[in-house]
Amino acid sequence: MSMIKEFKEFAMRGNVVDMAVGIIIGGAFGKIVSSFVTDVIMPPIGILLGGMDFSKLSITIKEGSEGVEPVLLNYGVFINTVIDFLIIAFAIFMAIKAMNSLKKKQEEAPAAPPEPPADVKLLTEIRDLLKK
């Protein structure tokens, strides 16, 4: 089997395609959450803390000179990223919790009893006829 054919079979499996779709959607979801944190959550928190802009919080490690940028430790951006992560982690937790509860309900649902074999059906019909 050629390597290209083997790769094609691997890539076209259902799990690989599902995983690729999940990664793409996850990346888009991450961008939405980042925008939500940066543009919606952090400004009101900054106002509550006295007009602070978290994205500009930093510590200067080395001052800049002519033509040289200062070296900064941007811990405000890190705080935004941590909040992004917490929101994404919580959303994933809730999705998994919902899927597990659905799976649990499906397991708890009583299954239909299996249909009796033909000889048992025949004996049941004979019994019912004899009762009449």
C-alpha atoms as a PDB file:
ATOM      1  CA  MET A   1       0.000   0.000   0.000  1.00  0.00           C
ATOM      2  CA  SER A   2       1.481   3.324  -0.993  1.00  0.00           C
ATOM      3  CA  MET A   3       2.053   5.954   1.637  1.00  0.00           C
ATOM      4  CA  ILE A   4      -0.289   8.405  -0.120  1.00  0.00           C
ATOM      5  CA  LYS A   5      -3.125   5.877  -0.179  1.00  0.00           C
ATOM      6  CA  GLU A   6      -2.529   5.017   3.482  1.00  0.00           C
ATOM      7  CA  PHE A   7      -2.540   8.710   4.430  1.00  0.00           C
ATOM      8  CA  LYS A   8      -5.748   9.264   2.451  1.00  0.00           C
ATOM      9  CA  GLU A   9      -7.478   6.436   4.352  1.00  0.00           C
ATOM     10  CA  PHE A  10      -6.239   7.885   7.646  1.00  0.00           C
ATOM     11  CA  ALA A  11      -7.306  11.437   6.829  1.00  0.00           C
ATOM     12  CA  MET A  12     -10.762  10.461   5.638  1.00  0.00           C
ATOM     13  CA  ARG A  13     -11.723   8.524   8.768  1.00  0.00           C
ATOM     14  CA  GLY A  14     -14.683   9.993  10.580  1.00  0.00           C
ATOM     15  CA  ASN A  15     -12.759  10.695  13.800  1.00  0.00           C
ATOM     16  CA  VAL A  16     -10.020  12.670  12.068  1.00  0.00           C
ATOM     17  CA  VAL A  17     -12.501  14.826  10.150  1.00  0.00           C
ATOM     18  CA  ASP A  18     -14.579  15.387  13.310  1.00  0.00           C
ATOM     19  CA  MET A  19     -11.437  16.367  15.209  1.00  0.00           C
ATOM     20  CA  ALA A  20     -10.422  18.835  12.481  1.00  0.00           C
ATOM     21  CA  VAL A  21     -13.863  20.459  12.564  1.00  0.00           C
ATOM     22  CA  GLY A  22     -13.657  20.649  16.367  1.00  0.00           C
ATOM     23  CA  ILE A  23     -10.245  22.318  16.239  1.00  0.00           C
ATOM     24  CA  ILE A  24     -11.451  24.917  13.709  1.00  0.00           C
ATOM     25  CA  ILE A  25     -14.575  25.695  15.738  1.00  0.00           C
ATOM     26  CA  GLY A  26     -12.502  25.784  18.929  1.00  0.00           C
ATOM     27  CA  GLY A  27     -10.126  28.320  17.401  1.00  0.00           C
ATOM     28  CA  ALA A  28     -13.023  30.534  16.361  1.00  0.00           C
ATOM     29  CA  PHE A  29     -14.600  30.142  19.822  1.00  0.00           C
ATOM     30  CA  GLY A  30     -11.287  31.169  21.388  1.00  0.00           C
ATOM     31  CA  LYS A  31     -11.247  34.375  19.336  1.00  0.00           C
ATOM     32  CA  ILE A  32     -14.824  35.156  20.366  1.00  0.00           C
ATOM     33  CA  VAL A  33     -13.978  34.644  24.036  1.00  0.00           C
ATOM     34  CA  SER A  34     -10.831  36.767  23.724  1.00  0.00           C
ATOM     35  CA  SER A  35     -12.827  39.600  22.215  1.00  0.00           C
ATOM     36  CA  PHE A  36     -15.522  39.172  24.886  1.00  0.00           C
ATOM     37  CA  VAL A  37     -12.943  39.408  27.671  1.00  0.00           C
ATOM     38  CA  THR A  38     -10.940  42.261  26.156  1.00  0.00           C
ATOM     39  CA  ASP A  39     -13.834  44.374  24.868  1.00  0.00           C
ATOM     40  CA  VAL A  40     -16.737  43.573  27.222  1.00  0.00           C
ATOM     41  CA  ILE A  41     -15.539  42.221  30.577  1.00  0.00           C
ATOM     42  CA  MET A  42     -12.261  44.060  31.234  1.00  0.00           C
ATOM     43  CA  PRO A  43     -13.422  47.681  30.594  1.00  0.00           C
ATOM     44  CA  PRO A  44     -16.089  47.621  33.354  1.00  0.00           C
ATOM     45  CA  ILE A  45     -13.650  45.890  35.708  1.00  0.00           C
ATOM     46  CA  GLY A  46     -11.077  48.564  34.856  1.00  0.00           C
ATOM     47  CA  ILE A  47     -13.617  51.317  35.599  1.00  0.00           C
ATOM     48  CA  LEU A  48     -14.476  49.697  38.934  1.00  0.00           C
ATOM     49  CA  LEU A  49     -10.754  49.686  39.766  1.00  0.00           C
ATOM     50  CA  GLY A  50     -10.327  53.380  38.990  1.00  0.00           C
ATOM     51  CA  GLY A  51     -10.075  53.580  35.209  1.00  0.00           C
ATOM     52  CA  MET A  52      -7.371  50.933  34.873  1.00  0.00           C
ATOM     53  CA  ASP A  53      -6.669  49.420  31.419  1.00  0.00           C
ATOM     54  CA  PHE A  54      -5.449  45.879  32.025  1.00  0.00           C
ATOM     55  CA  SER A  55      -3.905  45.501  28.577  1.00  0.00           C
ATOM     56  CA  LYS A  56      -1.490  48.333  29.354  1.00  0.00           C
ATOM     57  CA  LEU A  57      -0.377  47.070  32.763  1.00  0.00           C
ATOM     58  CA  SER A  58       3.326  46.310  32.617  1.00  0.00           C
ATOM     59  CA  ILE A  59       6.590  46.516  34.488  1.00  0.00           C
ATOM     60  CA  THR A  60       9.543  48.123  32.741  1.00  0.00           C
ATOM     61  CA  ILE A  61      12.527  45.798  32.971  1.00  0.00           C
ATOM     62  CA  LYS A  62      14.897  47.937  30.924  1.00  0.00           C
ATOM     63  CA  GLU A  63      14.339  51.536  29.858  1.00  0.00           C
ATOM     64  CA  GLY A  64      14.414  52.280  26.166  1.00  0.00           C
ATOM     65  CA  SER A  65      17.019  54.524  24.610  1.00  0.00           C
ATOM     66  CA  GLU A  66      17.414  56.159  21.200  1.00  0.00           C
ATOM     67  CA  GLY A  67      15.943  53.758  18.623  1.00  0.00           C
ATOM     68  CA  VAL A  68      15.666  50.930  21.154  1.00  0.00           C
ATOM     69  CA  GLU A  69      12.302  49.857  22.547  1.00  0.00           C
ATOM     70  CA  PRO A  70      11.993  49.409  26.310  1.00  0.00           C
ATOM     71  CA  VAL A  71      11.794  45.837  27.620  1.00  0.00           C
ATOM     72  CA  LEU A  72       8.404  45.362  29.302  1.00  0.00           C
ATOM     73  CA  LEU A  73       6.814  42.605  31.352  1.00  0.00           C
ATOM     74  CA  ASN A  74       3.173  42.830  30.190  1.00  0.00           C
ATOM     75  CA  TYR A  75       1.338  41.200  33.076  1.00  0.00           C
ATOM     76  CA  GLY A  76      -1.957  42.900  32.158  1.00  0.00           C
ATOM     77  CA  VAL A  77      -2.129  40.966  28.889  1.00  0.00           C
ATOM     78  CA  PHE A  78      -1.393  37.826  30.916  1.00  0.00           C
ATOM     79  CA  ILE A  79      -4.351  38.599  33.209  1.00  0.00           C
ATOM     80  CA  ASN A  80      -6.609  38.922  30.120  1.00  0.00           C
ATOM     81  CA  THR A  81      -5.302  35.593  28.805  1.00  0.00           C
ATOM     82  CA  VAL A  82      -5.935  33.860  32.144  1.00  0.00           C
ATOM     83  CA  ILE A  83      -9.522  35.153  32.157  1.00  0.00           C
ATOM     84  CA  ASP A  84      -9.907  33.939  28.529  1.00  0.00           C
ATOM     85  CA  PHE A  85      -8.713  30.502  29.591  1.00  0.00           C
ATOM     86  CA  LEU A  86     -11.053  30.351  32.592  1.00  0.00           C
ATOM     87  CA  ILE A  87     -14.078  31.248  30.454  1.00  0.00           C
ATOM     88  CA  ILE A  88     -13.160  28.693  27.760  1.00  0.00           C
ATOM     89  CA  ALA A  89     -12.465  26.011  30.382  1.00  0.00           C
ATOM     90  CA  PHE A  90     -15.820  26.701  32.051  1.00  0.00           C
ATOM     91  CA  ALA A  91     -17.653  26.552  28.709  1.00  0.00           C
ATOM     92  CA  ILE A  92     -15.998  23.228  27.853  1.00  0.00           C
ATOM     93  CA  PHE A  93     -16.798  21.906  31.341  1.00  0.00           C
ATOM     94  CA  MET A  94     -20.467  22.821  30.908  1.00  0.00           C
ATOM     95  CA  ALA A  95     -20.612  21.231  27.435  1.00  0.00           C
ATOM     96  CA  ILE A  96     -19.046  17.987  28.688  1.00  0.00           C
ATOM     97  CA  LYS A  97     -21.320  17.980  31.729  1.00  0.00           C
ATOM     98  CA  ALA A  98     -24.379  18.360  29.453  1.00  0.00           C
ATOM     99  CA  MET A  99     -23.172  15.561  27.161  1.00  0.00           C
ATOM    100  CA  ASN A 100     -22.539  13.267  30.146  1.00  0.00           C
ATOM    101  CA  SER A 101     -26.009  13.929  31.558  1.00  0.00           C
ATOM    102  CA  LEU A 102     -27.579  13.144  28.160  1.00  0.00           C
ATOM    103  CA  LYS A 103     -25.545   9.950  27.931  1.00  0.00           C
ATOM    104  CA  LYS A 104     -26.602   9.010  31.472  1.00  0.00           C
ATOM    105  CA  LYS A 105     -30.293   9.569  30.601  1.00  0.00           C
ATOM    106  CA  GLN A 106     -29.932   7.352  27.536  1.00  0.00           C
ATOM    107  CA  GLU A 107     -28.363   4.613  29.655  1.00  0.00           C
ATOM    108  CA  GLU A 108     -31.129   4.875  32.250  1.00  0.00           C
ATOM    109  CA  ALA A 109     -33.918   4.662  29.668  1.00  0.00           C
ATOM    110  CA  PRO A 110     -35.367   1.147  29.767  1.00  0.00           C
ATOM    111  CA  ALA A 111     -34.619  -0.833  26.672  1.00  0.00           C
ATOM    112  CA  ALA A 112     -37.467  -2.601  24.902  1.00  0.00           C
ATOM    113  CA  PRO A 113     -37.566  -6.261  25.899  1.00  0.00           C
ATOM    114  CA  PRO A 114     -36.231  -8.566  23.214  1.00  0.00           C
ATOM    115  CA  GLU A 115     -38.820 -10.253  21.034  1.00  0.00           C
ATOM    116  CA  PRO A 116     -39.402 -13.877  22.110  1.00  0.00           C
ATOM    117  CA  PRO A 117     -38.323 -16.663  19.767  1.00  0.00           C
ATOM    118  CA  ALA A 118     -40.802 -18.147  17.292  1.00  0.00           C
ATOM    119  CA  ASP A 119     -41.398 -21.316  19.337  1.00  0.00           C
ATOM    120  CA  VAL A 120     -42.293 -19.281  22.429  1.00  0.00           C
ATOM    121  CA  LYS A 121     -44.724 -17.194  20.353  1.00  0.00           C
ATOM    122  CA  LEU A 122     -46.342 -20.352  19.029  1.00  0.00           C
ATOM    123  CA  LEU A 123     -46.690 -21.824  22.515  1.00  0.00           C
ATOM    124  CA  THR A 124     -48.197 -18.556  23.763  1.00  0.00           C
ATOM    125  CA  GLU A 125     -50.789 -18.607  20.966  1.00  0.00           C
ATOM    126  CA  ILE A 126     -51.667 -22.218  21.763  1.00  0.00           C
ATOM    127  CA  ARG A 127     -52.045 -21.375  25.448  1.00  0.00           C
ATOM    128  CA  ASP A 128     -54.325 -18.417  24.629  1.00  0.00           C
ATOM    129  CA  LEU A 129     -56.474 -20.579  22.332  1.00  0.00           C
ATOM    130  CA  LEU A 130     -56.816 -23.270  25.004  1.00  0.00           C
ATOM    131  CA  LYS A 131     -57.950 -20.666  27.547  1.00  0.00           C
ATOM    132  CA  LYS A 132     -60.833 -19.678  25.255  1.00  0.00           C
END
